[in-house]
PDB file of N, CA and C in Angstrom:
ATOM      1  N   ASP A   1      45.111 -15.193  46.612  1.00  0.00           N
ATOM      2  CA  ASP A   1      45.363 -14.086  47.169  1.00  0.00           C
ATOM      3  C   ASP A   1      44.346 -14.033  48.145  1.00  0.00           C
ATOM      4  N   ALA A   2      44.914 -14.141  49.178  1.00  0.00           N
ATOM      5  CA  ALA A   2      44.211 -13.936  50.585  1.00  0.00           C
ATOM      6  C   ALA A   2      43.267 -13.161  50.706  1.00  0.00           C
ATOM      7  N   GLY A   3      43.439 -12.431  50.046  1.00  0.00           N
ATOM      8  CA  GLY A   3      41.937 -10.989  50.062  1.00  0.00           C
ATOM      9  C   GLY A   3      40.983 -11.695  49.472  1.00  0.00           C
ATOM     10  N   LEU A   4      40.910 -12.345  48.058  1.00  0.00           N
ATOM     11  CA  LEU A   4      39.870 -12.812  47.233  1.00  0.00           C
ATOM     12  C   LEU A   4      39.272 -14.006  48.547  1.00  0.00           C
ATOM     13  N   PHE A   5      39.947 -14.902  48.983  1.00  0.00           N
ATOM     14  CA  PHE A   5      39.600 -15.809  49.658  1.00  0.00           C
ATOM     15  C   PHE A   5      38.644 -15.669  50.898  1.00  0.00           C
ATOM     16  N   ALA A   6      39.004 -14.246  51.498  1.00  0.00           N
ATOM     17  CA  ALA A   6      38.587 -13.765  52.806  1.00  0.00           C
ATOM     18  C   ALA A   6      37.347 -13.024  52.505  1.00  0.00           C
ATOM     19  N   SER A   7      36.750 -12.737  51.087  1.00  0.00           N
ATOM     20  CA  SER A   7      35.841 -12.700  50.688  1.00  0.00           C
ATOM     21  C   SER A   7      34.636 -13.416  50.021  1.00  0.00           C
ATOM     22  N   GLY A   8      35.307 -14.691  50.335  1.00  0.00           N
ATOM     23  CA  GLY A   8      34.350 -15.533  49.680  1.00  0.00           C
ATOM     24  C   GLY A   8      34.570 -16.068  48.327  1.00  0.00           C
ATOM     25  N   VAL A   9      35.550 -14.940  47.708  1.00  0.00           N
ATOM     26  CA  VAL A   9      35.384 -15.303  46.368  1.00  0.00           C
ATOM     27  C   VAL A   9      36.572 -16.029  46.334  1.00  0.00           C
ATOM     28  N   GLU A  10      36.949 -17.480  45.706  1.00  0.00           N
ATOM     29  CA  GLU A  10      38.566 -17.684  44.990  1.00  0.00           C
ATOM     30  C   GLU A  10      38.197 -18.602  43.421  1.00  0.00           C
ATOM     31  N   PRO A  11      39.668 -18.516  43.374  1.00  0.00           N
ATOM     32  CA  PRO A  11      40.035 -19.034  41.882  1.00  0.00           C
ATOM     33  C   PRO A  11      39.544 -20.572  41.868  1.00  0.00           C
ATOM     34  N   VAL A  12      38.694 -20.547  40.859  1.00  0.00           N
ATOM     35  CA  VAL A  12      38.342 -21.844  40.408  1.00  0.00           C
ATOM     36  C   VAL A  12      38.669 -22.578  38.950  1.00  0.00           C
ATOM     37  N   THR A  13      39.072 -23.603  38.495  1.00  0.00           N
ATOM     38  CA  THR A  13      39.114 -24.011  37.219  1.00  0.00           C
ATOM     39  C   THR A  13      38.215 -24.598  36.483  1.00  0.00           C
ATOM     40  N   VAL A  14      37.770 -24.263  35.963  1.00  0.00           N
ATOM     41  CA  VAL A  14      36.687 -25.138  35.046  1.00  0.00           C
ATOM     42  C   VAL A  14      37.331 -25.975  33.926  1.00  0.00           C
ATOM     43  N   PRO A  15      37.094 -27.361  34.270  1.00  0.00           N
ATOM     44  CA  PRO A  15      37.644 -28.321  33.218  1.00  0.00           C
ATOM     45  C   PRO A  15      37.604 -27.727  31.629  1.00  0.00           C
ATOM     46  N   ALA A  16      38.496 -28.478  30.481  1.00  0.00           N
ATOM     47  CA  ALA A  16      38.258 -28.837  29.442  1.00  0.00           C
ATOM     48  C   ALA A  16      37.078 -29.342  29.480  1.00  0.00           C
ATOM     49  N   GLY A  17      36.046 -28.993  28.028  1.00  0.00           N
ATOM     50  CA  GLY A  17      34.795 -30.125  28.044  1.00  0.00           C
ATOM     51  C   GLY A  17      33.854 -30.002  29.005  1.00  0.00           C
ATOM     52  N   ALA A  18      33.455 -29.392  29.661  1.00  0.00           N
ATOM     53  CA  ALA A  18      32.486 -29.242  31.052  1.00  0.00           C
ATOM     54  C   ALA A  18      31.422 -28.676  30.384  1.00  0.00           C
ATOM     55  N   TYR A  19      31.727 -27.622  29.493  1.00  0.00           N
ATOM     56  CA  TYR A  19      31.023 -27.215  28.659  1.00  0.00           C
ATOM     57  C   TYR A  19      30.952 -27.124  27.407  1.00  0.00           C
ATOM     58  N   ARG A  20      30.236 -27.955  26.558  1.00  0.00           N
ATOM     59  CA  ARG A  20      30.445 -28.475  25.133  1.00  0.00           C
ATOM     60  C   ARG A  20      31.850 -27.613  24.253  1.00  0.00           C
ATOM     61  N   GLY A  21      32.476 -28.202  24.131  1.00  0.00           N
ATOM     62  CA  GLY A  21      33.305 -27.787  23.154  1.00  0.00           C
ATOM     63  C   GLY A  21      34.674 -26.333  23.452  1.00  0.00           C
ATOM     64  N   THR A  22      34.517 -26.137  24.825  1.00  0.00           N
ATOM     65  CA  THR A  22      34.938 -25.246  25.661  1.00  0.00           C
ATOM     66  C   THR A  22      36.360 -25.912  26.528  1.00  0.00           C
ATOM     67  N   PRO A  23      37.538 -24.753  26.246  1.00  0.00           N
ATOM     68  CA  PRO A  23      38.835 -25.003  27.058  1.00  0.00           C
ATOM     69  C   PRO A  23      39.151 -24.627  28.753  1.00  0.00           C
ATOM     70  N   GLU A  24      39.581 -25.586  29.053  1.00  0.00           N
ATOM     71  CA  GLU A  24      40.016 -25.199  30.327  1.00  0.00           C
ATOM     72  C   GLU A  24      40.202 -23.705  30.700  1.00  0.00           C
ATOM     73  N   VAL A  25      39.157 -22.882  31.747  1.00  0.00           N
ATOM     74  CA  VAL A  25      39.308 -21.681  31.934  1.00  0.00           C
ATOM     75  C   VAL A  25      39.212 -21.440  33.436  1.00  0.00           C
ATOM     76  N   THR A  26      40.063 -20.413  34.060  1.00  0.00           N
ATOM     77  CA  THR A  26      40.265 -20.439  35.258  1.00  0.00           C
ATOM     78  C   THR A  26      39.317 -18.909  35.465  1.00  0.00           C
ATOM     79  N   THR A  27      38.476 -19.037  36.349  1.00  0.00           N
ATOM     80  CA  THR A  27      37.498 -18.513  36.766  1.00  0.00           C
ATOM     81  C   THR A  27      37.372 -18.196  38.149  1.00  0.00           C
ATOM     82  N   ILE A  28      36.129 -17.378  38.511  1.00  0.00           N
ATOM     83  CA  ILE A  28      36.026 -17.431  39.792  1.00  0.00           C
ATOM     84  C   ILE A  28      35.042 -18.190  40.884  1.00  0.00           C
ATOM     85  N   GLY A  29      34.772 -18.536  41.930  1.00  0.00           N
ATOM     86  CA  GLY A  29      33.668 -19.061  42.535  1.00  0.00           C
ATOM     87  C   GLY A  29      33.408 -18.614  43.617  1.00  0.00           C
ATOM     88  N   VAL A  30      32.363 -18.642  44.308  1.00  0.00           N
ATOM     89  CA  VAL A  30      31.841 -17.746  45.372  1.00  0.00           C
ATOM     90  C   VAL A  30      31.135 -19.738  46.273  1.00  0.00           C
ATOM     91  N   ALA A  31      31.517 -19.503  47.587  1.00  0.00           N
ATOM     92  CA  ALA A  31      31.219 -20.895  48.289  1.00  0.00           C
ATOM     93  C   ALA A  31      29.725 -20.349  48.648  1.00  0.00           C
ATOM     94  N   ASN A  32      29.371 -21.602  48.566  1.00  0.00           N
ATOM     95  CA  ASN A  32      27.931 -21.658  49.149  1.00  0.00           C
ATOM     96  C   ASN A  32      27.902 -22.628  50.464  1.00  0.00           C
ATOM     97  N   LEU A  33      27.635 -21.799  51.734  1.00  0.00           N
ATOM     98  CA  LEU A  33      27.708 -22.495  53.273  1.00  0.00           C
ATOM     99  C   LEU A  33      26.348 -22.885  53.693  1.00  0.00           C
ATOM    100  N   LEU A  34      26.484 -23.968  54.172  1.00  0.00           N
ATOM    101  CA  LEU A  34      25.301 -24.902  54.903  1.00  0.00           C
ATOM    102  C   LEU A  34      25.368 -24.156  56.275  1.00  0.00           C
ATOM    103  N   LEU A  35      24.485 -22.998  56.788  1.00  0.00           N
ATOM    104  CA  LEU A  35      24.471 -22.604  58.186  1.00  0.00           C
ATOM    105  C   LEU A  35      23.540 -22.829  58.740  1.00  0.00           C
ATOM    106  N   CYS A  36      23.491 -22.952  60.303  1.00  0.00           N
ATOM    107  CA  CYS A  36      22.921 -23.909  61.279  1.00  0.00           C
ATOM    108  C   CYS A  36      22.825 -22.595  62.327  1.00  0.00           C
ATOM    109  N   ARG A  37      21.922 -22.796  63.360  1.00  0.00           N
ATOM    110  CA  ARG A  37      22.126 -21.935  64.445  1.00  0.00           C
ATOM    111  C   ARG A  37      23.110 -22.751  65.162  1.00  0.00           C
ATOM    112  N   PRO A  38      23.784 -21.793  66.228  1.00  0.00           N
ATOM    113  CA  PRO A  38      24.469 -22.268  67.471  1.00  0.00           C
ATOM    114  C   PRO A  38      24.129 -22.936  68.166  1.00  0.00           C
ATOM    115  N   ASP A  39      22.659 -23.250  68.345  1.00  0.00           N
ATOM    116  CA  ASP A  39      22.177 -24.045  69.111  1.00  0.00           C
ATOM    117  C   ASP A  39      21.519 -25.313  68.997  1.00  0.00           C
ATOM    118  N   LEU A  40      21.946 -25.824  67.479  1.00  0.00           N
ATOM    119  CA  LEU A  40      21.830 -26.856  66.917  1.00  0.00           C
ATOM    120  C   LEU A  40      22.883 -28.010  67.745  1.00  0.00           C
ATOM    121  N   PRO A  41      21.660 -28.857  68.442  1.00  0.00           N
ATOM    122  CA  PRO A  41      22.852 -30.141  69.175  1.00  0.00           C
ATOM    123  C   PRO A  41      24.031 -30.521  67.985  1.00  0.00           C
ATOM    124  N   ALA A  42      25.382 -30.697  69.069  1.00  0.00           N
ATOM    125  CA  ALA A  42      26.390 -31.165  68.300  1.00  0.00           C
ATOM    126  C   ALA A  42      26.154 -32.160  67.406  1.00  0.00           C
ATOM    127  N   PRO A  43      25.726 -33.438  68.223  1.00  0.00           N
ATOM    128  CA  PRO A  43      25.642 -34.623  67.249  1.00  0.00           C
ATOM    129  C   PRO A  43      24.821 -34.995  65.992  1.00  0.00           C
ATOM    130  N   ILE A  44      23.940 -33.566  65.870  1.00  0.00           N
ATOM    131  CA  ILE A  44      23.228 -33.336  64.333  1.00  0.00           C
ATOM    132  C   ILE A  44      24.000 -32.634  63.676  1.00  0.00           C
ATOM    133  N   ALA A  45      24.739 -31.761  63.676  1.00  0.00           N
ATOM    134  CA  ALA A  45      25.771 -31.124  63.332  1.00  0.00           C
ATOM    135  C   ALA A  45      26.998 -32.051  62.852  1.00  0.00           C
ATOM    136  N   ALA A  46      27.654 -32.959  63.483  1.00  0.00           N
ATOM    137  CA  ALA A  46      28.327 -33.744  63.345  1.00  0.00           C
ATOM    138  C   ALA A  46      27.650 -34.888  62.474  1.00  0.00           C
ATOM    139  N   ALA A  47      26.800 -35.685  62.842  1.00  0.00           N
ATOM    140  CA  ALA A  47      26.015 -36.251  61.559  1.00  0.00           C
ATOM    141  C   ALA A  47      25.852 -35.643  60.253  1.00  0.00           C
ATOM    142  N   LEU A  48      25.336 -34.588  60.353  1.00  0.00           N
ATOM    143  CA  LEU A  48      25.515 -33.776  58.974  1.00  0.00           C
ATOM    144  C   LEU A  48      26.697 -33.601  57.917  1.00  0.00           C
ATOM    145  N   THR A  49      27.819 -33.447  58.651  1.00  0.00           N
ATOM    146  CA  THR A  49      28.904 -33.453  58.132  1.00  0.00           C
ATOM    147  C   THR A  49      29.411 -34.895  57.749  1.00  0.00           C
ATOM    148  N   HIS A  50      29.097 -35.571  58.368  1.00  0.00           N
ATOM    149  CA  HIS A  50      29.817 -37.024  57.642  1.00  0.00           C
ATOM    150  C   HIS A  50      28.998 -37.294  56.694  1.00  0.00           C
ATOM    151  N   VAL A  51      27.543 -37.000  56.552  1.00  0.00           N
ATOM    152  CA  VAL A  51      26.939 -37.283  55.349  1.00  0.00           C
ATOM    153  C   VAL A  51      27.716 -36.510  54.031  1.00  0.00           C
ATOM    154  N   LEU A  52      27.818 -35.359  54.806  1.00  0.00           N
ATOM    155  CA  LEU A  52      28.574 -34.741  53.210  1.00  0.00           C
ATOM    156  C   LEU A  52      29.951 -35.062  53.134  1.00  0.00           C
ATOM    157  N   VAL A  53      30.561 -35.371  53.499  1.00  0.00           N
ATOM    158  CA  VAL A  53      32.109 -35.982  53.649  1.00  0.00           C
ATOM    159  C   VAL A  53      31.599 -37.241  52.750  1.00  0.00           C
ATOM    160  N   ARG A  54      30.902 -37.956  53.304  1.00  0.00           N
ATOM    161  CA  ARG A  54      30.954 -39.514  52.669  1.00  0.00           C
ATOM    162  C   ARG A  54      30.271 -39.696  51.764  1.00  0.00           C
ATOM    163  N   ARG A  55      29.380 -38.808  51.222  1.00  0.00           N
ATOM    164  CA  ARG A  55      28.588 -39.115  50.018  1.00  0.00           C
ATOM    165  C   ARG A  55      28.550 -37.859  49.115  1.00  0.00           C
ATOM    166  N   ALA A  56      29.732 -36.700  49.377  1.00  0.00           N
ATOM    167  CA  ALA A  56      30.100 -35.714  48.179  1.00  0.00           C
ATOM    168  C   ALA A  56      29.542 -36.222  47.051  1.00  0.00           C
ATOM    169  N   THR A  57      30.088 -37.269  46.792  1.00  0.00           N
ATOM    170  CA  THR A  57      30.451 -37.812  44.910  1.00  0.00           C
ATOM    171  C   THR A  57      28.934 -37.967  44.788  1.00  0.00           C
ATOM    172  N   ARG A  58      28.234 -38.272  45.781  1.00  0.00           N
ATOM    173  CA  ARG A  58      26.514 -38.684  45.070  1.00  0.00           C
ATOM    174  C   ARG A  58      25.564 -37.096  45.229  1.00  0.00           C
ATOM    175  N   LEU A  59      26.121 -36.378  45.699  1.00  0.00           N
ATOM    176  CA  LEU A  59      25.625 -35.236  46.485  1.00  0.00           C
ATOM    177  C   LEU A  59      25.851 -33.847  45.010  1.00  0.00           C
ATOM    178  N   VAL A  60      26.744 -34.085  44.517  1.00  0.00           N
ATOM    179  CA  VAL A  60      27.459 -33.322  43.065  1.00  0.00           C
ATOM    180  C   VAL A  60      26.685 -33.583  41.907  1.00  0.00           C
ATOM    181  N   PRO A  61      25.817 -33.268  41.232  1.00  0.00           N
ATOM    182  CA  PRO A  61      25.241 -33.454  39.771  1.00  0.00           C
ATOM    183  C   PRO A  61      26.413 -34.190  39.009  1.00  0.00           C
ATOM    184  N   THR A  62      26.337 -34.694  38.079  1.00  0.00           N
ATOM    185  CA  THR A  62      27.312 -34.990  36.910  1.00  0.00           C
ATOM    186  C   THR A  62      27.694 -33.859  35.879  1.00  0.00           C
ATOM    187  N   THR A  63      26.628 -33.281  35.596  1.00  0.00           N
ATOM    188  CA  THR A  63      26.574 -32.267  35.161  1.00  0.00           C
ATOM    189  C   THR A  63      27.766 -31.052  35.694  1.00  0.00           C
ATOM    190  N   ALA A  64      28.178 -31.536  36.735  1.00  0.00           N
ATOM    191  CA  ALA A  64      28.526 -29.976  37.566  1.00  0.00           C
ATOM    192  C   ALA A  64      29.983 -30.490  38.201  1.00  0.00           C
ATOM    193  N   LEU A  65      30.143 -31.818  37.812  1.00  0.00           N
ATOM    194  CA  LEU A  65      31.836 -32.006  38.247  1.00  0.00           C
ATOM    195  C   LEU A  65      32.712 -31.170  37.502  1.00  0.00           C
ATOM    196  N   GLY A  66      33.331 -30.830  38.490  1.00  0.00           N
ATOM    197  CA  GLY A  66      34.823 -29.907  37.628  1.00  0.00           C
ATOM    198  C   GLY A  66      34.469 -28.723  38.090  1.00  0.00           C
ATOM    199  N   THR A  67      33.037 -28.319  38.220  1.00  0.00           N
ATOM    200  CA  THR A  67      32.599 -26.806  38.909  1.00  0.00           C
ATOM    201  C   THR A  67      32.265 -26.894  40.046  1.00  0.00           C
ATOM    202  N   GLN A  68      31.692 -28.152  40.797  1.00  0.00           N
ATOM    203  CA  GLN A  68      31.152 -27.788  41.753  1.00  0.00           C
ATOM    204  C   GLN A  68      32.324 -29.070  42.499  1.00  0.00           C
ATOM    205  N   PHE A  69      32.502 -28.636  43.827  1.00  0.00           N
ATOM    206  CA  PHE A  69      33.178 -30.073  44.806  1.00  0.00           C
ATOM    207  C   PHE A  69      32.920 -29.980  46.157  1.00  0.00           C
ATOM    208  N   LEU A  70      32.584 -30.869  46.625  1.00  0.00           N
ATOM    209  CA  LEU A  70      33.054 -31.135  48.298  1.00  0.00           C
ATOM    210  C   LEU A  70      33.699 -32.070  48.335  1.00  0.00           C
ATOM    211  N   ASP A  71      34.909 -31.341  49.324  1.00  0.00           N
ATOM    212  CA  ASP A  71      35.805 -32.398  49.854  1.00  0.00           C
ATOM    213  C   ASP A  71      36.330 -31.824  50.991  1.00  0.00           C
ATOM    214  N   ALA A  72      37.295 -32.346  51.790  1.00  0.00           N
ATOM    215  CA  ALA A  72      37.427 -31.798  52.851  1.00  0.00           C
ATOM    216  C   ALA A  72      38.209 -30.357  52.874  1.00  0.00           C
ATOM    217  N   ARG A  73      38.880 -29.897  52.064  1.00  0.00           N
ATOM    218  CA  ARG A  73      39.339 -28.785  52.002  1.00  0.00           C
ATOM    219  C   ARG A  73      38.324 -27.551  51.968  1.00  0.00           C
ATOM    220  N   SER A  74      37.320 -27.909  50.916  1.00  0.00           N
ATOM    221  CA  SER A  74      36.280 -26.974  50.934  1.00  0.00           C
ATOM    222  C   SER A  74      35.493 -26.832  51.444  1.00  0.00           C
ATOM    223  N   LEU A  75      35.338 -27.934  52.428  1.00  0.00           N
ATOM    224  CA  LEU A  75      34.163 -28.059  53.488  1.00  0.00           C
ATOM    225  C   LEU A  75      34.586 -27.271  54.501  1.00  0.00           C
ATOM    226  N   ILE A  76      35.613 -27.355  55.024  1.00  0.00           N
ATOM    227  CA  ILE A  76      35.915 -26.610  56.168  1.00  0.00           C
ATOM    228  C   ILE A  76      36.592 -24.887  55.844  1.00  0.00           C
ATOM    229  N   SER A  77      36.640 -24.928  54.477  1.00  0.00           N
ATOM    230  CA  SER A  77      37.153 -23.265  54.354  1.00  0.00           C
ATOM    231  C   SER A  77      36.070 -22.617  54.220  1.00  0.00           C
ATOM    232  N   THR A  78      35.674 -22.341  55.529  1.00  0.00           N
ATOM    233  CA  THR A  78      34.420 -21.126  55.451  1.00  0.00           C
ATOM    234  C   THR A  78      34.807 -20.050  55.591  1.00  0.00           C
ATOM    235  N   GLY A  79      36.040 -19.342  55.560  1.00  0.00           N
ATOM    236  CA  GLY A  79      36.507 -17.972  55.811  1.00  0.00           C
ATOM    237  C   GLY A  79      36.602 -17.649  57.361  1.00  0.00           C
ATOM    238  N   VAL A  80      35.540 -16.440  57.119  1.00  0.00           N
ATOM    239  CA  VAL A  80      35.674 -16.052  58.857  1.00  0.00           C
ATOM    240  C   VAL A  80      34.230 -16.586  59.519  1.00  0.00           C
ATOM    241  N   VAL A  81      33.279 -17.776  58.553  1.00  0.00           N
ATOM    242  CA  VAL A  81      32.639 -17.947  59.364  1.00  0.00           C
ATOM    243  C   VAL A  81      32.341 -19.041  60.227  1.00  0.00           C
ATOM    244  N   PRO A  82      32.458 -19.188  61.609  1.00  0.00           N
ATOM    245  CA  PRO A  82      32.926 -20.366  62.560  1.00  0.00           C
ATOM    246  C   PRO A  82      32.173 -21.510  62.138  1.00  0.00           C
ATOM    247  N   LEU A  83      33.054 -22.429  62.207  1.00  0.00           N
ATOM    248  CA  LEU A  83      32.612 -24.115  62.060  1.00  0.00           C
ATOM    249  C   LEU A  83      32.040 -24.347  63.375  1.00  0.00           C
ATOM    250  N   HIS A  84      30.704 -25.276  63.383  1.00  0.00           N
ATOM    251  CA  HIS A  84      29.829 -25.530  64.488  1.00  0.00           C
ATOM    252  C   HIS A  84      30.843 -26.641  65.068  1.00  0.00           C
ATOM    253  N   SER A  85      30.630 -26.528  66.391  1.00  0.00           N
ATOM    254  CA  SER A  85      31.406 -27.425  67.197  1.00  0.00           C
ATOM    255  C   SER A  85      31.112 -28.763  67.007  1.00  0.00           C
ATOM    256  N   GLY A  86      30.135 -29.154  66.698  1.00  0.00           N
ATOM    257  CA  GLY A  86      29.863 -30.850  65.854  1.00  0.00           C
ATOM    258  C   GLY A  86      30.724 -31.102  64.977  1.00  0.00           C
ATOM    259  N   ALA A  87      30.442 -30.160  64.196  1.00  0.00           N
ATOM    260  CA  ALA A  87      31.520 -30.127  62.856  1.00  0.00           C
ATOM    261  C   ALA A  87      32.600 -30.519  62.783  1.00  0.00           C
ATOM    262  N   VAL A  88      33.596 -29.426  63.559  1.00  0.00           N
ATOM    263  CA  VAL A  88      34.583 -29.451  63.954  1.00  0.00           C
ATOM    264  C   VAL A  88      34.972 -30.936  64.676  1.00  0.00           C
ATOM    265  N   VAL A  89      34.544 -31.823  65.716  1.00  0.00           N
ATOM    266  CA  VAL A  89      34.626 -33.123  66.058  1.00  0.00           C
ATOM    267  C   VAL A  89      34.472 -34.148  64.860  1.00  0.00           C
ATOM    268  N   ALA A  90      33.077 -33.956  63.814  1.00  0.00           N
ATOM    269  CA  ALA A  90      33.222 -34.681  62.628  1.00  0.00           C
ATOM    270  C   ALA A  90      34.913 -34.976  62.133  1.00  0.00           C
ATOM    271  N   TYR A  91      34.837 -33.457  61.504  1.00  0.00           N
ATOM    272  CA  TYR A  91      36.079 -33.529  60.942  1.00  0.00           C
ATOM    273  C   TYR A  91      37.843 -34.028  61.075  1.00  0.00           C
ATOM    274  N   ARG A  92      37.732 -33.714  62.566  1.00  0.00           N
ATOM    275  CA  ARG A  92      38.700 -34.438  63.316  1.00  0.00           C
ATOM    276  C   ARG A  92      38.560 -35.706  63.375  1.00  0.00           C
ATOM    277  N   GLU A  93      37.569 -36.603  64.059  1.00  0.00           N
ATOM    278  CA  GLU A  93      37.105 -38.396  63.323  1.00  0.00           C
ATOM    279  C   GLU A  93      37.484 -38.278  62.104  1.00  0.00           C
ATOM    280  N   LEU A  94      37.234 -37.650  60.890  1.00  0.00           N
ATOM    281  CA  LEU A  94      37.278 -38.053  59.838  1.00  0.00           C
ATOM    282  C   LEU A  94      38.948 -37.750  59.082  1.00  0.00           C
ATOM    283  N   HIS A  95      38.965 -36.897  59.445  1.00  0.00           N
ATOM    284  CA  HIS A  95      40.508 -36.253  59.050  1.00  0.00           C
ATOM    285  C   HIS A  95      41.579 -35.753  59.793  1.00  0.00           C
ATOM    286  N   GLY A  96      41.735 -36.368  60.928  1.00  0.00           N
ATOM    287  CA  GLY A  96      42.796 -36.023  62.267  1.00  0.00           C
ATOM    288  C   GLY A  96      42.849 -34.223  62.385  1.00  0.00           C
TER     289      GLY A  96
END
């Protein structure tokens, strides 16, 4: 539902076994956004974005796999919060 996403809440599926003995469960998730000042130099924002995209699998603890994710879709899904110009440049370099 678009209204849910606009509010920062979206459906999330917790895979079976994420918690000992549990089946797959659909629940809600709330995005965590990394915010910066608009005057942060674009090259720094771009470099940070590159790290988040390229090292995503190393940044999510194994115990959180399936319940937390860093991927191109989730990283650019910021709702009404605009992406920093440096992040936009990095996403275009990485994903077209």
